[in-house]
Amino acid sequence: MLLAIDTATEWAGVALYDKSGLLAEANWNTGRNHSAQVVPLAQHLLGNLGAAVGDLTGIGVSLGPGSWSGLRVGLSVAKGMALAAGLPILGVSSLDTLAYPHQRTGRSVVAAIRLGRDRYAVAEYRLRRSWTRIGPERNETRDQLIAGIPELALVCGDIDVRLAAAINAARGAGVVVPMPSISARRAGYLAEIAWGRLQAGEHDDVVALEPTYLGNAVKDKT
């Protein structure tokens, strides 16, 4: 059983996954309370399944991009559990997690996470022979994000009503912005990605694994 931990932004999540699929999941707006809420929620989900930390076979964790404080909490918890129990750890980009459920839309997918100060972490994905990120993750302004969206695309992530309206006005009917409930980042998707890597025999170096900030680490309000 794999435990997934996502604290990349104020929208946090934990999930449990095994060979049968997704077992349990919680996603919520934690504000800046990651350190007080994430571990109790993980313990609660394990308890609901009649399981314990000793039943885990791996830890998946979001690497960002995201907030400085949130990412540090999640990675510290994941590393601590992995080291204490001798478990493999698997880091997953929070942009990869956002884009993951939209890969069969037939469009390019643009995932965006608000970094604060009118800037966004952005990445584009397309289904070619396999699901592929096009180029590196980028730190962009709001205007750069809008201008870089392809003609036929789905845009997901931290897209509020005003930004969605601006995207639709600038890019036209060929660009789809899903409802917030569909666009939200889910720990269950992170867990599925990490589980796939674990089954392929992959893992990351628990000591060397570091979060991604896309620029200088800024202790913002996200």
N, C-alpha and C. Protein backbone atom coordinates (compact mmCIF):
# COMPACT_ATOMS: atom_id res chain seq x y z
N MET A 1 0.84 -1.19 0.00
CA MET A 1 0.00 0.00 0.00
C MET A 1 0.88 1.25 0.00
N LEU A 2 0.52 2.22 -0.83
CA LEU A 2 1.29 3.46 -0.94
C LEU A 2 0.50 4.61 -0.34
N LEU A 3 1.18 5.45 0.41
CA LEU A 3 0.61 6.68 0.94
C LEU A 3 1.11 7.85 0.11
N ALA A 4 0.19 8.68 -0.38
CA ALA A 4 0.55 9.88 -1.14
C ALA A 4 0.27 11.11 -0.30
N ILE A 5 1.19 12.07 -0.32
CA ILE A 5 1.09 13.30 0.46
C ILE A 5 1.29 14.48 -0.47
N ASP A 6 0.31 15.39 -0.50
CA ASP A 6 0.41 16.58 -1.36
C ASP A 6 0.18 17.82 -0.51
N THR A 7 1.23 18.61 -0.33
CA THR A 7 1.13 19.87 0.41
C THR A 7 1.71 21.01 -0.41
N ALA A 8 1.60 20.90 -1.74
CA ALA A 8 2.26 21.88 -2.61
C ALA A 8 1.68 23.28 -2.46
N THR A 9 0.39 23.38 -2.15
CA THR A 9 -0.25 24.68 -1.98
C THR A 9 -1.19 24.60 -0.79
N GLU A 10 -2.04 25.62 -0.64
CA GLU A 10 -3.01 25.58 0.46
C GLU A 10 -4.05 24.48 0.24
N TRP A 11 -4.15 23.97 -0.98
CA TRP A 11 -5.02 22.83 -1.28
C TRP A 11 -4.20 21.57 -1.06
N ALA A 12 -4.46 20.87 0.03
CA ALA A 12 -3.65 19.71 0.42
C ALA A 12 -4.42 18.42 0.19
N GLY A 13 -3.69 17.31 0.23
CA GLY A 13 -4.36 16.03 0.06
C GLY A 13 -3.50 14.88 0.52
N VAL A 14 -4.16 13.81 0.93
CA VAL A 14 -3.51 12.53 1.23
C VAL A 14 -4.35 11.42 0.62
N ALA A 15 -3.71 10.34 0.22
CA ALA A 15 -4.43 9.23 -0.39
C ALA A 15 -3.69 7.93 -0.15
N LEU A 16 -4.43 6.83 -0.21
CA LEU A 16 -3.88 5.48 -0.08
C LEU A 16 -4.22 4.69 -1.33
N TYR A 17 -3.26 3.92 -1.82
CA TYR A 17 -3.41 3.23 -3.11
C TYR A 17 -2.69 1.88 -3.03
N ASP A 18 -3.28 0.84 -3.63
CA ASP A 18 -2.59 -0.43 -3.75
C ASP A 18 -2.94 -1.09 -5.08
N LYS A 19 -2.66 -2.36 -5.24
CA LYS A 19 -2.85 -3.04 -6.52
C LYS A 19 -4.30 -3.05 -6.98
N SER A 20 -5.24 -2.87 -6.05
CA SER A 20 -6.66 -2.84 -6.42
C SER A 20 -7.12 -1.45 -6.85
N GLY A 21 -6.26 -0.44 -6.63
CA GLY A 21 -6.60 0.92 -7.02
C GLY A 21 -6.64 1.87 -5.84
N LEU A 22 -7.39 2.96 -5.99
CA LEU A 22 -7.50 3.97 -4.95
C LEU A 22 -8.34 3.44 -3.79
N LEU A 23 -7.79 3.50 -2.58
CA LEU A 23 -8.46 2.97 -1.39
C LEU A 23 -9.12 4.05 -0.55
N ALA A 24 -8.48 5.19 -0.45
CA ALA A 24 -8.99 6.28 0.37
C ALA A 24 -8.32 7.58 -0.05
N GLU A 25 -9.03 8.68 0.15
CA GLU A 25 -8.49 9.96 -0.31
C GLU A 25 -9.16 11.09 0.47
N ALA A 26 -8.38 12.14 0.78
CA ALA A 26 -8.92 13.36 1.36
C ALA A 26 -8.20 14.55 0.74
N ASN A 27 -8.98 15.52 0.27
CA ASN A 27 -8.43 16.75 -0.28
C ASN A 27 -9.16 17.92 0.37
N TRP A 28 -8.44 18.94 0.81
CA TRP A 28 -9.08 20.02 1.54
C TRP A 28 -8.22 21.27 1.49
N ASN A 29 -8.85 22.41 1.78
CA ASN A 29 -8.13 23.67 1.86
C ASN A 29 -7.59 23.82 3.26
N THR A 30 -6.28 23.63 3.38
CA THR A 30 -5.65 23.66 4.71
C THR A 30 -5.11 25.03 5.10
N GLY A 31 -5.14 25.99 4.15
CA GLY A 31 -4.54 27.29 4.44
C GLY A 31 -3.04 27.12 4.66
N ARG A 32 -2.57 27.50 5.82
CA ARG A 32 -1.15 27.32 6.15
C ARG A 32 -0.98 26.33 7.30
N ASN A 33 -1.93 25.41 7.44
CA ASN A 33 -1.92 24.47 8.57
C ASN A 33 -1.46 23.07 8.18
N HIS A 34 -0.61 22.96 7.16
CA HIS A 34 -0.16 21.65 6.71
C HIS A 34 0.42 20.80 7.84
N SER A 35 1.29 21.40 8.64
CA SER A 35 2.00 20.62 9.65
C SER A 35 1.06 20.06 10.71
N ALA A 36 -0.06 20.74 10.98
CA ALA A 36 -0.99 20.29 12.02
C ALA A 36 -2.03 19.31 11.49
N GLN A 37 -2.27 19.29 10.18
CA GLN A 37 -3.41 18.54 9.66
C GLN A 37 -3.05 17.32 8.83
N VAL A 38 -1.92 17.33 8.14
CA VAL A 38 -1.63 16.27 7.17
C VAL A 38 -1.44 14.91 7.84
N VAL A 39 -0.60 14.83 8.86
CA VAL A 39 -0.35 13.54 9.51
C VAL A 39 -1.61 12.97 10.16
N PRO A 40 -2.40 13.77 10.92
CA PRO A 40 -3.64 13.21 11.47
C PRO A 40 -4.60 12.69 10.39
N LEU A 41 -4.68 13.38 9.26
CA LEU A 41 -5.56 12.90 8.19
C LEU A 41 -5.05 11.58 7.62
N ALA A 42 -3.73 11.47 7.44
CA ALA A 42 -3.16 10.21 6.94
C ALA A 42 -3.45 9.07 7.92
N GLN A 43 -3.26 9.34 9.21
CA GLN A 43 -3.54 8.31 10.23
C GLN A 43 -5.01 7.94 10.24
N HIS A 44 -5.88 8.93 10.02
CA HIS A 44 -7.32 8.67 9.98
C HIS A 44 -7.69 7.76 8.82
N LEU A 45 -7.13 8.02 7.63
CA LEU A 45 -7.43 7.18 6.48
C LEU A 45 -6.92 5.76 6.70
N LEU A 46 -5.71 5.63 7.24
CA LEU A 46 -5.20 4.30 7.54
C LEU A 46 -6.11 3.57 8.52
N GLY A 47 -6.54 4.29 9.57
CA GLY A 47 -7.41 3.68 10.57
C GLY A 47 -8.74 3.23 9.99
N ASN A 48 -9.28 4.02 9.05
CA ASN A 48 -10.54 3.64 8.42
C ASN A 48 -10.43 2.33 7.65
N LEU A 49 -9.23 2.03 7.17
CA LEU A 49 -8.99 0.80 6.43
C LEU A 49 -8.51 -0.33 7.32
N GLY A 50 -8.37 -0.06 8.61
CA GLY A 50 -7.84 -1.06 9.52
C GLY A 50 -6.37 -1.32 9.28
N ALA A 51 -5.65 -0.30 8.79
CA ALA A 51 -4.24 -0.44 8.45
C ALA A 51 -3.40 0.48 9.32
N ALA A 52 -2.08 0.33 9.22
CA ALA A 52 -1.14 1.15 9.98
C ALA A 52 0.06 1.45 9.10
N VAL A 53 0.94 2.29 9.61
CA VAL A 53 2.13 2.67 8.85
C VAL A 53 2.93 1.43 8.44
N GLY A 54 2.93 0.41 9.28
CA GLY A 54 3.67 -0.81 8.97
C GLY A 54 3.16 -1.55 7.75
N ASP A 55 1.95 -1.22 7.29
CA ASP A 55 1.39 -1.86 6.09
C ASP A 55 1.81 -1.16 4.81
N LEU A 56 2.47 -0.02 4.93
CA LEU A 56 2.85 0.74 3.74
C LEU A 56 4.05 0.11 3.04
N THR A 57 4.06 0.22 1.72
CA THR A 57 5.20 -0.27 0.92
C THR A 57 5.87 0.86 0.15
N GLY A 58 5.35 2.07 0.24
CA GLY A 58 5.95 3.20 -0.45
C GLY A 58 5.28 4.50 -0.06
N ILE A 59 6.00 5.60 -0.31
CA ILE A 59 5.50 6.94 -0.02
C ILE A 59 5.62 7.78 -1.28
N GLY A 60 4.51 8.37 -1.73
CA GLY A 60 4.53 9.33 -2.83
C GLY A 60 4.37 10.73 -2.27
N VAL A 61 5.08 11.69 -2.84
CA VAL A 61 5.02 13.04 -2.30
C VAL A 61 5.11 14.05 -3.43
N SER A 62 4.34 15.12 -3.30
CA SER A 62 4.40 16.19 -4.29
C SER A 62 5.67 17.00 -4.11
N LEU A 63 6.34 17.26 -5.23
CA LEU A 63 7.59 18.03 -5.21
C LEU A 63 7.39 19.49 -5.60
N GLY A 64 6.16 19.89 -5.88
CA GLY A 64 5.92 21.23 -6.37
C GLY A 64 5.98 21.25 -7.89
N PRO A 65 5.94 22.42 -8.47
CA PRO A 65 6.04 23.75 -7.87
C PRO A 65 4.89 24.05 -6.91
N GLY A 66 5.18 25.00 -6.02
CA GLY A 66 4.20 25.38 -5.03
C GLY A 66 4.79 26.31 -4.00
N SER A 67 4.19 26.34 -2.83
CA SER A 67 4.63 27.26 -1.79
C SER A 67 5.82 26.71 -1.02
N TRP A 68 6.65 27.59 -0.57
CA TRP A 68 7.88 27.21 0.14
C TRP A 68 7.56 26.41 1.40
N SER A 69 6.66 26.96 2.23
CA SER A 69 6.38 26.30 3.51
C SER A 69 5.63 25.00 3.32
N GLY A 70 4.63 24.98 2.43
CA GLY A 70 3.86 23.77 2.22
C GLY A 70 4.70 22.62 1.72
N LEU A 71 5.54 22.87 0.74
CA LEU A 71 6.38 21.81 0.18
C LEU A 71 7.36 21.26 1.21
N ARG A 72 7.91 22.14 2.03
CA ARG A 72 8.85 21.69 3.06
C ARG A 72 8.18 20.76 4.07
N VAL A 73 6.94 21.08 4.45
CA VAL A 73 6.22 20.23 5.39
C VAL A 73 5.99 18.85 4.79
N GLY A 74 5.43 18.81 3.58
CA GLY A 74 5.12 17.53 2.96
C GLY A 74 6.34 16.66 2.75
N LEU A 75 7.42 17.28 2.27
CA LEU A 75 8.62 16.50 2.01
C LEU A 75 9.27 16.02 3.31
N SER A 76 9.21 16.85 4.34
CA SER A 76 9.76 16.44 5.64
C SER A 76 9.00 15.25 6.21
N VAL A 77 7.68 15.29 6.12
CA VAL A 77 6.86 14.18 6.63
C VAL A 77 7.14 12.92 5.82
N ALA A 78 7.16 13.04 4.49
CA ALA A 78 7.39 11.88 3.63
C ALA A 78 8.76 11.28 3.86
N LYS A 79 9.78 12.12 3.95
CA LYS A 79 11.14 11.62 4.17
C LYS A 79 11.25 10.95 5.55
N GLY A 80 10.64 11.57 6.56
CA GLY A 80 10.71 11.00 7.89
C GLY A 80 10.09 9.61 7.94
N MET A 81 8.93 9.46 7.31
CA MET A 81 8.27 8.15 7.30
C MET A 81 9.08 7.14 6.49
N ALA A 82 9.61 7.58 5.35
CA ALA A 82 10.38 6.67 4.50
C ALA A 82 11.64 6.19 5.20
N LEU A 83 12.34 7.09 5.86
CA LEU A 83 13.56 6.71 6.57
C LEU A 83 13.26 5.82 7.77
N ALA A 84 12.22 6.17 8.53
CA ALA A 84 11.91 5.40 9.74
C ALA A 84 11.47 3.98 9.43
N ALA A 85 10.72 3.82 8.32
CA ALA A 85 10.17 2.50 8.00
C ALA A 85 10.94 1.79 6.88
N GLY A 86 12.00 2.44 6.35
CA GLY A 86 12.78 1.84 5.28
C GLY A 86 11.97 1.69 3.99
N LEU A 87 11.14 2.70 3.67
CA LEU A 87 10.26 2.62 2.51
C LEU A 87 10.82 3.41 1.33
N PRO A 88 10.55 2.98 0.11
CA PRO A 88 10.93 3.78 -1.07
C PRO A 88 10.08 5.04 -1.13
N ILE A 89 10.68 6.12 -1.60
CA ILE A 89 9.97 7.39 -1.74
C ILE A 89 9.95 7.76 -3.22
N LEU A 90 8.83 8.35 -3.66
CA LEU A 90 8.67 8.69 -5.08
C LEU A 90 8.11 10.11 -5.17
N GLY A 91 8.91 11.01 -5.73
CA GLY A 91 8.49 12.39 -5.89
C GLY A 91 7.74 12.59 -7.20
N VAL A 92 6.69 13.40 -7.15
CA VAL A 92 5.85 13.65 -8.33
C VAL A 92 5.61 15.15 -8.46
N SER A 93 5.79 15.68 -9.66
CA SER A 93 5.51 17.09 -9.92
C SER A 93 4.03 17.39 -9.68
N SER A 94 3.75 18.51 -9.03
CA SER A 94 2.35 18.89 -8.81
C SER A 94 1.67 19.30 -10.11
N LEU A 95 2.43 19.76 -11.11
CA LEU A 95 1.86 20.05 -12.42
C LEU A 95 1.52 18.76 -13.15
N ASP A 96 2.37 17.74 -13.01
CA ASP A 96 2.06 16.43 -13.60
C ASP A 96 0.76 15.88 -13.00
N THR A 97 0.60 16.05 -11.69
CA THR A 97 -0.61 15.57 -11.01
C THR A 97 -1.85 16.28 -11.53
N LEU A 98 -1.75 17.59 -11.73
CA LEU A 98 -2.87 18.37 -12.25
C LEU A 98 -3.30 17.91 -13.64
N ALA A 99 -2.33 17.71 -14.50
CA ALA A 99 -2.63 17.39 -15.90
C ALA A 99 -3.07 15.94 -16.10
N TYR A 100 -2.66 15.06 -15.22
CA TYR A 100 -2.81 13.61 -15.38
C TYR A 100 -4.22 13.15 -15.79
N PRO A 101 -5.30 13.61 -15.13
CA PRO A 101 -6.63 13.07 -15.47
C PRO A 101 -7.19 13.57 -16.80
N HIS A 102 -6.52 14.54 -17.43
CA HIS A 102 -7.06 15.15 -18.64
C HIS A 102 -6.38 14.67 -19.92
N GLN A 103 -5.59 13.62 -19.82
CA GLN A 103 -4.76 13.24 -20.95
C GLN A 103 -5.52 12.68 -22.14
N ARG A 104 -6.78 12.31 -21.98
CA ARG A 104 -7.55 11.76 -23.10
C ARG A 104 -8.62 12.73 -23.61
N THR A 105 -8.39 14.01 -23.42
CA THR A 105 -9.34 15.02 -23.89
C THR A 105 -9.20 15.30 -25.38
N GLY A 106 -8.09 14.86 -25.99
CA GLY A 106 -7.85 15.16 -27.40
C GLY A 106 -7.30 16.56 -27.62
N ARG A 107 -6.93 17.25 -26.57
CA ARG A 107 -6.38 18.60 -26.65
C ARG A 107 -5.03 18.66 -25.93
N SER A 108 -4.31 19.74 -26.19
CA SER A 108 -3.18 20.04 -25.33
C SER A 108 -3.73 20.39 -23.95
N VAL A 109 -2.99 20.06 -22.92
CA VAL A 109 -3.40 20.39 -21.55
C VAL A 109 -2.37 21.33 -20.95
N VAL A 110 -2.83 22.46 -20.45
CA VAL A 110 -1.97 23.42 -19.78
C VAL A 110 -2.33 23.43 -18.30
N ALA A 111 -1.38 23.06 -17.46
CA ALA A 111 -1.58 23.03 -16.02
C ALA A 111 -0.91 24.25 -15.39
N ALA A 112 -1.61 24.88 -14.44
CA ALA A 112 -1.09 26.11 -13.83
C ALA A 112 -1.30 26.09 -12.32
N ILE A 113 -0.28 26.50 -11.59
CA ILE A 113 -0.35 26.63 -10.14
C ILE A 113 0.07 28.04 -9.77
N ARG A 114 -0.75 28.72 -8.99
CA ARG A 114 -0.44 30.10 -8.60
C ARG A 114 0.72 30.12 -7.61
N LEU A 115 1.72 30.91 -7.94
CA LEU A 115 2.90 31.04 -7.08
C LEU A 115 2.83 32.30 -6.22
N GLY A 116 1.87 33.18 -6.50
CA GLY A 116 1.80 34.45 -5.81
C GLY A 116 2.43 35.56 -6.62
N ARG A 117 2.09 36.81 -6.28
CA ARG A 117 2.66 37.98 -6.94
C ARG A 117 2.42 37.95 -8.46
N ASP A 118 1.22 37.53 -8.84
CA ASP A 118 0.81 37.50 -10.24
C ASP A 118 1.69 36.60 -11.10
N ARG A 119 2.21 35.52 -10.50
CA ARG A 119 3.02 34.58 -11.26
C ARG A 119 2.48 33.16 -11.08
N TYR A 120 2.71 32.34 -12.12
CA TYR A 120 2.18 30.98 -12.14
C TYR A 120 3.26 30.00 -12.59
N ALA A 121 3.24 28.82 -11.99
CA ALA A 121 4.01 27.69 -12.51
C ALA A 121 3.16 27.05 -13.60
N VAL A 122 3.76 26.83 -14.77
CA VAL A 122 2.99 26.40 -15.94
C VAL A 122 3.73 25.28 -16.66
N ALA A 123 2.98 24.31 -17.16
CA ALA A 123 3.55 23.28 -18.03
C ALA A 123 2.48 22.83 -19.02
N GLU A 124 2.92 22.44 -20.22
CA GLU A 124 2.00 21.96 -21.26
C GLU A 124 2.23 20.47 -21.49
N TYR A 125 1.15 19.75 -21.76
CA TYR A 125 1.20 18.30 -21.96
C TYR A 125 0.40 17.92 -23.21
N ARG A 126 0.85 16.84 -23.87
CA ARG A 126 0.11 16.30 -25.01
C ARG A 126 0.22 14.79 -25.02
N LEU A 127 -0.83 14.16 -25.55
CA LEU A 127 -0.80 12.72 -25.73
C LEU A 127 -0.26 12.43 -27.11
N ARG A 128 0.96 11.94 -27.17
CA ARG A 128 1.58 11.51 -28.42
C ARG A 128 1.55 9.99 -28.42
N ARG A 129 2.68 9.35 -28.53
CA ARG A 129 2.68 7.90 -28.31
C ARG A 129 2.43 7.60 -26.85
N SER A 130 2.80 8.53 -26.01
CA SER A 130 2.52 8.44 -24.57
C SER A 130 2.26 9.85 -24.07
N TRP A 131 1.81 9.94 -22.82
CA TRP A 131 1.53 11.24 -22.22
C TRP A 131 2.85 11.95 -21.97
N THR A 132 3.01 13.16 -22.54
CA THR A 132 4.32 13.81 -22.58
C THR A 132 4.22 15.27 -22.16
N ARG A 133 5.13 15.69 -21.28
CA ARG A 133 5.26 17.11 -21.00
C ARG A 133 6.05 17.77 -22.13
N ILE A 134 5.54 18.89 -22.63
CA ILE A 134 6.19 19.60 -23.73
C ILE A 134 7.07 20.70 -23.14
N GLY A 135 8.35 20.48 -23.12
CA GLY A 135 9.26 21.47 -22.57
C GLY A 135 9.29 21.46 -21.06
N PRO A 136 10.05 22.37 -20.47
CA PRO A 136 10.20 22.39 -19.01
C PRO A 136 9.04 23.10 -18.33
N GLU A 137 8.95 22.91 -17.02
CA GLU A 137 8.02 23.71 -16.21
C GLU A 137 8.52 25.15 -16.20
N ARG A 138 7.58 26.10 -16.23
CA ARG A 138 7.96 27.50 -16.39
C ARG A 138 7.34 28.38 -15.30
N ASN A 139 8.01 29.44 -14.96
CA ASN A 139 7.50 30.48 -14.07
C ASN A 139 7.08 31.66 -14.94
N GLU A 140 5.76 31.92 -15.02
CA GLU A 140 5.26 32.93 -15.95
C GLU A 140 4.33 33.92 -15.26
N THR A 141 4.23 35.11 -15.85
CA THR A 141 3.23 36.07 -15.40
C THR A 141 1.86 35.63 -15.90
N ARG A 142 0.83 36.26 -15.39
CA ARG A 142 -0.54 35.97 -15.83
C ARG A 142 -0.67 36.18 -17.34
N ASP A 143 -0.12 37.27 -17.85
CA ASP A 143 -0.23 37.56 -19.29
C ASP A 143 0.55 36.55 -20.12
N GLN A 144 1.71 36.12 -19.64
CA GLN A 144 2.48 35.11 -20.36
C GLN A 144 1.73 33.78 -20.39
N LEU A 145 1.10 33.42 -19.27
CA LEU A 145 0.30 32.20 -19.22
C LEU A 145 -0.79 32.23 -20.28
N ILE A 146 -1.54 33.32 -20.34
CA ILE A 146 -2.64 33.43 -21.30
C ILE A 146 -2.12 33.38 -22.73
N ALA A 147 -1.06 34.12 -23.01
CA ALA A 147 -0.54 34.20 -24.38
C ALA A 147 0.03 32.87 -24.86
N GLY A 148 0.49 32.04 -23.94
CA GLY A 148 1.13 30.79 -24.33
C GLY A 148 0.19 29.61 -24.50
N ILE A 149 -1.10 29.80 -24.26
CA ILE A 149 -2.06 28.69 -24.38
C ILE A 149 -2.31 28.38 -25.85
N PRO A 150 -2.17 27.12 -26.27
CA PRO A 150 -2.43 26.76 -27.68
C PRO A 150 -3.88 27.01 -28.07
N GLU A 151 -4.16 26.99 -29.37
CA GLU A 151 -5.51 27.27 -29.87
C GLU A 151 -6.53 26.25 -29.40
N LEU A 152 -6.14 24.99 -29.36
CA LEU A 152 -7.02 23.93 -28.86
C LEU A 152 -6.40 23.36 -27.59
N ALA A 153 -6.93 23.74 -26.45
CA ALA A 153 -6.30 23.34 -25.18
C ALA A 153 -7.33 23.27 -24.07
N LEU A 154 -6.98 22.53 -23.05
CA LEU A 154 -7.70 22.52 -21.78
C LEU A 154 -6.76 23.09 -20.74
N VAL A 155 -7.24 24.05 -19.96
CA VAL A 155 -6.42 24.71 -18.95
C VAL A 155 -6.95 24.34 -17.57
N CYS A 156 -6.11 23.76 -16.73
CA CYS A 156 -6.55 23.30 -15.41
C CYS A 156 -5.64 23.84 -14.33
N GLY A 157 -6.14 23.80 -13.10
CA GLY A 157 -5.33 24.23 -11.96
C GLY A 157 -5.92 25.43 -11.26
N ASP A 158 -5.06 26.36 -10.87
CA ASP A 158 -5.47 27.53 -10.09
C ASP A 158 -6.02 28.61 -11.01
N ILE A 159 -7.20 28.35 -11.56
CA ILE A 159 -7.83 29.27 -12.51
C ILE A 159 -9.11 29.80 -11.86
N ASP A 160 -9.05 31.02 -11.34
CA ASP A 160 -10.25 31.59 -10.72
C ASP A 160 -11.17 32.16 -11.80
N VAL A 161 -12.30 32.70 -11.38
CA VAL A 161 -13.31 33.16 -12.33
C VAL A 161 -12.77 34.27 -13.23
N ARG A 162 -12.05 35.21 -12.67
CA ARG A 162 -11.52 36.33 -13.47
C ARG A 162 -10.49 35.85 -14.47
N LEU A 163 -9.61 34.95 -14.05
CA LEU A 163 -8.61 34.45 -14.98
C LEU A 163 -9.26 33.60 -16.07
N ALA A 164 -10.27 32.80 -15.72
CA ALA A 164 -10.97 32.00 -16.72
C ALA A 164 -11.62 32.89 -17.77
N ALA A 165 -12.23 33.99 -17.33
CA ALA A 165 -12.86 34.93 -18.26
C ALA A 165 -11.81 35.57 -19.17
N ALA A 166 -10.66 35.92 -18.61
CA ALA A 166 -9.60 36.53 -19.41
C ALA A 166 -9.06 35.54 -20.44
N ILE A 167 -8.92 34.26 -20.04
CA ILE A 167 -8.45 33.23 -20.97
C ILE A 167 -9.44 33.05 -22.12
N ASN A 168 -10.72 32.96 -21.79
CA ASN A 168 -11.73 32.77 -22.82
C ASN A 168 -11.81 33.96 -23.76
N ALA A 169 -11.67 35.17 -23.22
CA ALA A 169 -11.72 36.36 -24.06
C ALA A 169 -10.52 36.45 -25.00
N ALA A 170 -9.36 36.04 -24.51
CA ALA A 170 -8.15 36.17 -25.31
C ALA A 170 -7.93 35.01 -26.28
N ARG A 171 -8.34 33.79 -25.89
CA ARG A 171 -7.99 32.61 -26.67
C ARG A 171 -9.16 32.01 -27.45
N GLY A 172 -10.38 32.42 -27.13
CA GLY A 172 -11.52 31.98 -27.92
C GLY A 172 -12.10 30.65 -27.49
N ALA A 173 -13.07 30.17 -28.30
CA ALA A 173 -13.85 29.00 -27.94
C ALA A 173 -13.07 27.70 -27.99
N GLY A 174 -11.90 27.71 -28.60
CA GLY A 174 -11.10 26.49 -28.70
C GLY A 174 -10.42 26.10 -27.41
N VAL A 175 -10.45 26.99 -26.42
CA VAL A 175 -9.81 26.72 -25.14
C VAL A 175 -10.87 26.43 -24.08
N VAL A 176 -10.72 25.32 -23.39
CA VAL A 176 -11.68 24.89 -22.37
C VAL A 176 -11.08 25.09 -20.98
N VAL A 177 -11.84 25.71 -20.11
CA VAL A 177 -11.46 25.83 -18.70
C VAL A 177 -12.50 25.07 -17.89
N PRO A 178 -12.16 23.90 -17.34
CA PRO A 178 -13.15 23.10 -16.60
C PRO A 178 -13.63 23.79 -15.33
N MET A 179 -14.74 23.30 -14.80
CA MET A 179 -15.24 23.78 -13.52
C MET A 179 -14.19 23.50 -12.43
N PRO A 180 -14.16 24.32 -11.37
CA PRO A 180 -13.15 24.15 -10.32
C PRO A 180 -13.08 22.74 -9.74
N SER A 181 -14.21 22.06 -9.59
CA SER A 181 -14.20 20.72 -9.01
C SER A 181 -13.50 19.72 -9.91
N ILE A 182 -13.56 19.94 -11.21
CA ILE A 182 -12.89 19.06 -12.17
C ILE A 182 -11.42 19.44 -12.30
N SER A 183 -11.14 20.71 -12.15
CA SER A 183 -9.79 21.23 -12.36
C SER A 183 -8.87 21.06 -11.16
N ALA A 184 -9.43 20.72 -10.00
CA ALA A 184 -8.65 20.68 -8.77
C ALA A 184 -7.60 19.57 -8.78
N ARG A 185 -6.51 19.80 -8.07
CA ARG A 185 -5.45 18.80 -7.91
C ARG A 185 -5.89 17.80 -6.84
N ARG A 186 -5.75 16.50 -7.13
CA ARG A 186 -6.19 15.45 -6.21
C ARG A 186 -5.04 14.54 -5.82
N ALA A 187 -4.99 14.21 -4.54
CA ALA A 187 -3.95 13.31 -4.05
C ALA A 187 -4.10 11.92 -4.65
N GLY A 188 -5.32 11.54 -5.04
CA GLY A 188 -5.53 10.23 -5.66
C GLY A 188 -4.78 10.09 -6.97
N TYR A 189 -4.68 11.17 -7.72
CA TYR A 189 -3.93 11.12 -8.97
C TYR A 189 -2.42 11.03 -8.69
N LEU A 190 -1.96 11.78 -7.70
CA LEU A 190 -0.55 11.68 -7.29
C LEU A 190 -0.24 10.25 -6.88
N ALA A 191 -1.16 9.64 -6.12
CA ALA A 191 -0.94 8.26 -5.66
C ALA A 191 -0.86 7.30 -6.84
N GLU A 192 -1.72 7.49 -7.84
CA GLU A 192 -1.72 6.59 -8.99
C GLU A 192 -0.42 6.71 -9.80
N ILE A 193 0.05 7.94 -9.97
CA ILE A 193 1.32 8.14 -10.67
C ILE A 193 2.47 7.48 -9.90
N ALA A 194 2.52 7.76 -8.59
CA ALA A 194 3.60 7.19 -7.77
C ALA A 194 3.51 5.67 -7.72
N TRP A 195 2.31 5.11 -7.64
CA TRP A 195 2.15 3.66 -7.62
C TRP A 195 2.67 3.04 -8.91
N GLY A 196 2.39 3.67 -10.05
CA GLY A 196 2.90 3.17 -11.32
C GLY A 196 4.41 3.14 -11.35
N ARG A 197 5.03 4.19 -10.83
CA ARG A 197 6.50 4.21 -10.76
C ARG A 197 7.02 3.13 -9.83
N LEU A 198 6.35 2.94 -8.70
CA LEU A 198 6.78 1.93 -7.74
C LEU A 198 6.72 0.54 -8.36
N GLN A 199 5.65 0.25 -9.09
CA GLN A 199 5.49 -1.06 -9.71
C GLN A 199 6.50 -1.27 -10.83
N ALA A 200 7.01 -0.18 -11.40
CA ALA A 200 8.04 -0.27 -12.43
C ALA A 200 9.43 -0.42 -11.84
N GLY A 201 9.51 -0.49 -10.51
CA GLY A 201 10.80 -0.66 -9.84
C GLY A 201 11.55 0.64 -9.61
N GLU A 202 10.87 1.77 -9.75
CA GLU A 202 11.52 3.06 -9.58
C GLU A 202 11.40 3.55 -8.14
N HIS A 203 12.32 4.42 -7.76
CA HIS A 203 12.23 5.15 -6.51
C HIS A 203 13.23 6.29 -6.57
N ASP A 204 13.11 7.24 -5.66
CA ASP A 204 14.03 8.37 -5.61
C ASP A 204 14.94 8.27 -4.39
N ASP A 205 16.02 9.02 -4.44
CA ASP A 205 16.97 9.06 -3.33
C ASP A 205 16.35 9.87 -2.20
N VAL A 206 16.07 9.24 -1.09
CA VAL A 206 15.36 9.90 0.00
C VAL A 206 16.15 11.07 0.56
N VAL A 207 17.47 11.03 0.50
CA VAL A 207 18.29 12.13 1.02
C VAL A 207 18.38 13.27 0.02
N ALA A 208 18.57 12.94 -1.25
CA ALA A 208 18.79 13.96 -2.27
C ALA A 208 17.50 14.62 -2.77
N LEU A 209 16.35 14.01 -2.55
CA LEU A 209 15.09 14.52 -3.09
C LEU A 209 14.78 15.91 -2.53
N GLU A 210 14.53 16.86 -3.43
CA GLU A 210 14.27 18.24 -3.03
C GLU A 210 13.04 18.78 -3.76
N PRO A 211 12.36 19.77 -3.16
CA PRO A 211 11.20 20.36 -3.82
C PRO A 211 11.59 21.28 -4.97
N THR A 212 10.63 21.57 -5.83
CA THR A 212 10.81 22.46 -6.97
C THR A 212 10.06 23.75 -6.70
N TYR A 213 10.76 24.89 -6.76
CA TYR A 213 10.12 26.17 -6.52
C TYR A 213 9.95 26.99 -7.80
N LEU A 214 10.71 26.68 -8.83
CA LEU A 214 10.75 27.48 -10.07
C LEU A 214 11.17 28.91 -9.79
N GLY A 215 12.37 29.07 -9.36
CA GLY A 215 12.90 30.39 -9.03
C GLY A 215 13.31 30.42 -7.59
N ASN A 216 13.56 31.61 -7.08
CA ASN A 216 13.95 31.76 -5.69
C ASN A 216 12.83 31.34 -4.76
N ALA A 217 13.16 30.64 -3.69
CA ALA A 217 12.15 30.24 -2.72
C ALA A 217 11.55 31.47 -2.08
N VAL A 218 10.23 31.61 -2.16
CA VAL A 218 9.54 32.76 -1.59
C VAL A 218 8.49 32.27 -0.61
N LYS A 219 8.55 32.77 0.60
CA LYS A 219 7.55 32.37 1.61
C LYS A 219 6.30 33.22 1.40
N ASP A 220 5.48 32.81 0.41
CA ASP A 220 4.28 33.58 0.11
C ASP A 220 3.11 33.08 0.93
N LYS A 221 1.92 33.51 0.58
CA LYS A 221 0.72 33.17 1.34
C LYS A 221 -0.01 31.96 0.79
N THR A 222 0.59 31.27 -0.19
CA THR A 222 -0.08 30.10 -0.76
C THR A 222 0.29 28.86 0.02
